[in-house]
Amino acid sequence: MKKLDLAVLALLIVGGLNWGLVGIAKFDLVAALAGGLEFGETNWFSRAVYCLVGAAAVVALIRLPAVARGEQRTTAHAH
């Protein structure tokens, strides 16, 4: 589960930074990395990134109550 947590965190950081840049400078970093697209324009790559960021937000939202309670997922190890 740790790999999923790291992937979710990385995608949320990408999304947050991208939206921060959009708000501050009207610059869409994802679109720029996807081939210098005009602001608001998309292609398959930028849509895939936006979908992954959205999916990461859903996963984080679902897991938020457990995190807020301080619960950690553990796996049973046979010894």
C-alpha atoms as a PDB file:
ATOM      1  CA  MET A   1       0.000   0.000   0.000  1.00  0.00           C
ATOM      2  CA  LYS A   2       2.950   2.318   0.512  1.00  0.00           C
ATOM      3  CA  LYS A   3       3.618   2.507  -3.252  1.00  0.00           C
ATOM      4  CA  LEU A   4       0.020   3.555  -3.845  1.00  0.00           C
ATOM      5  CA  ASP A   5       0.313   6.207  -1.119  1.00  0.00           C
ATOM      6  CA  LEU A   6       3.473   7.609  -2.706  1.00  0.00           C
ATOM      7  CA  ALA A   7       1.901   7.629  -6.176  1.00  0.00           C
ATOM      8  CA  VAL A   8      -1.196   9.399  -4.844  1.00  0.00           C
ATOM      9  CA  LEU A   9       0.944  11.969  -3.041  1.00  0.00           C
ATOM     10  CA  ALA A  10       3.091  12.617  -6.117  1.00  0.00           C
ATOM     11  CA  LEU A  11       0.041  13.075  -8.337  1.00  0.00           C
ATOM     12  CA  LEU A  12      -1.625  15.404  -5.841  1.00  0.00           C
ATOM     13  CA  ILE A  13       1.547  17.494  -5.689  1.00  0.00           C
ATOM     14  CA  VAL A  14       1.669  17.667  -9.501  1.00  0.00           C
ATOM     15  CA  GLY A  15      -1.970  18.691  -9.601  1.00  0.00           C
ATOM     16  CA  GLY A  16      -1.576  21.242  -6.832  1.00  0.00           C
ATOM     17  CA  LEU A  17       1.479  22.826  -8.397  1.00  0.00           C
ATOM     18  CA  ASN A  18      -0.212  22.909 -11.786  1.00  0.00           C
ATOM     19  CA  TRP A  19      -3.319  24.626 -10.388  1.00  0.00           C
ATOM     20  CA  GLY A  20      -1.141  27.033  -8.423  1.00  0.00           C
ATOM     21  CA  LEU A  21       0.662  28.002 -11.622  1.00  0.00           C
ATOM     22  CA  VAL A  22      -2.665  28.361 -13.427  1.00  0.00           C
ATOM     23  CA  GLY A  23      -3.952  30.665 -10.700  1.00  0.00           C
ATOM     24  CA  ILE A  24      -0.799  32.747 -10.305  1.00  0.00           C
ATOM     25  CA  ALA A  25       0.541  32.951 -13.844  1.00  0.00           C
ATOM     26  CA  LYS A  26      -2.152  31.444 -16.108  1.00  0.00           C
ATOM     27  CA  PHE A  27       0.460  28.835 -17.042  1.00  0.00           C
ATOM     28  CA  ASP A  28      -0.570  25.194 -17.453  1.00  0.00           C
ATOM     29  CA  LEU A  29       2.585  23.158 -16.813  1.00  0.00           C
ATOM     30  CA  VAL A  30       0.929  19.876 -17.821  1.00  0.00           C
ATOM     31  CA  ALA A  31      -0.150  21.353 -21.162  1.00  0.00           C
ATOM     32  CA  ALA A  32       3.346  22.754 -21.699  1.00  0.00           C
ATOM     33  CA  LEU A  33       4.909  19.345 -20.990  1.00  0.00           C
ATOM     34  CA  ALA A  34       2.346  17.720 -23.278  1.00  0.00           C
ATOM     35  CA  GLY A  35       3.688  19.556 -26.280  1.00  0.00           C
ATOM     36  CA  GLY A  36       3.342  23.284 -25.776  1.00  0.00           C
ATOM     37  CA  LEU A  37      -0.421  23.295 -25.999  1.00  0.00           C
ATOM     38  CA  GLU A  38      -2.329  26.540 -25.699  1.00  0.00           C
ATOM     39  CA  PHE A  39      -3.889  27.236 -22.310  1.00  0.00           C
ATOM     40  CA  GLY A  40      -6.956  25.028 -21.905  1.00  0.00           C
ATOM     41  CA  GLU A  41      -6.110  22.844 -24.899  1.00  0.00           C
ATOM     42  CA  THR A  42      -5.674  19.106 -24.298  1.00  0.00           C
ATOM     43  CA  ASN A  43      -4.295  16.045 -26.009  1.00  0.00           C
ATOM     44  CA  TRP A  44      -4.170  12.395 -24.967  1.00  0.00           C
ATOM     45  CA  PHE A  45      -1.163  12.921 -22.674  1.00  0.00           C
ATOM     46  CA  SER A  46      -2.522  15.933 -20.809  1.00  0.00           C
ATOM     47  CA  ARG A  47      -5.951  14.262 -20.422  1.00  0.00           C
ATOM     48  CA  ALA A  48      -4.249  11.134 -19.034  1.00  0.00           C
ATOM     49  CA  VAL A  49      -2.330  13.228 -16.485  1.00  0.00           C
ATOM     50  CA  TYR A  50      -5.486  15.115 -15.496  1.00  0.00           C
ATOM     51  CA  CYS A  51      -7.367  11.804 -15.099  1.00  0.00           C
ATOM     52  CA  LEU A  52      -4.589  10.342 -12.948  1.00  0.00           C
ATOM     53  CA  VAL A  53      -4.558  13.451 -10.740  1.00  0.00           C
ATOM     54  CA  GLY A  54      -8.338  13.206 -10.392  1.00  0.00           C
ATOM     55  CA  ALA A  55      -8.148   9.510  -9.529  1.00  0.00           C
ATOM     56  CA  ALA A  56      -5.474  10.264  -6.920  1.00  0.00           C
ATOM     57  CA  ALA A  57      -7.773  12.858  -5.370  1.00  0.00           C
ATOM     58  CA  VAL A  58     -10.600  10.291  -5.168  1.00  0.00           C
ATOM     59  CA  VAL A  59      -8.295   7.753  -3.497  1.00  0.00           C
ATOM     60  CA  ALA A  60      -7.089  10.396  -1.030  1.00  0.00           C
ATOM     61  CA  LEU A  61     -10.666  11.455  -0.306  1.00  0.00           C
ATOM     62  CA  ILE A  62     -11.735   7.863   0.364  1.00  0.00           C
ATOM     63  CA  ARG A  63      -8.770   7.290   2.683  1.00  0.00           C
ATOM     64  CA  LEU A  64      -9.035  10.642   4.470  1.00  0.00           C
ATOM     65  CA  PRO A  65     -11.341   9.528   7.321  1.00  0.00           C
ATOM     66  CA  ALA A  66      -8.942   6.729   8.331  1.00  0.00           C
ATOM     67  CA  VAL A  67      -5.953   9.057   8.153  1.00  0.00           C
ATOM     68  CA  ALA A  68      -7.777  11.680  10.222  1.00  0.00           C
ATOM     69  CA  ARG A  69      -8.446   9.044  12.910  1.00  0.00           C
ATOM     70  CA  GLY A  70      -4.749   8.139  12.898  1.00  0.00           C
ATOM     71  CA  GLU A  71      -5.331   4.655  11.592  1.00  0.00           C
ATOM     72  CA  GLN A  72      -2.635   2.969   9.581  1.00  0.00           C
ATOM     73  CA  ARG A  73      -3.204  -0.012   7.384  1.00  0.00           C
ATOM     74  CA  THR A  74      -1.096  -2.905   8.452  1.00  0.00           C
ATOM     75  CA  THR A  75      -0.629  -6.306   6.957  1.00  0.00           C
ATOM     76  CA  ALA A  76      -0.398  -9.477   8.976  1.00  0.00           C
ATOM     77  CA  HIS A  77       2.950 -11.186   8.691  1.00  0.00           C
ATOM     78  CA  ALA A  78       3.260 -14.885   9.369  1.00  0.00           C
ATOM     79  CA  HIS A  79       6.210 -15.652  11.595  1.00  0.00           C
END
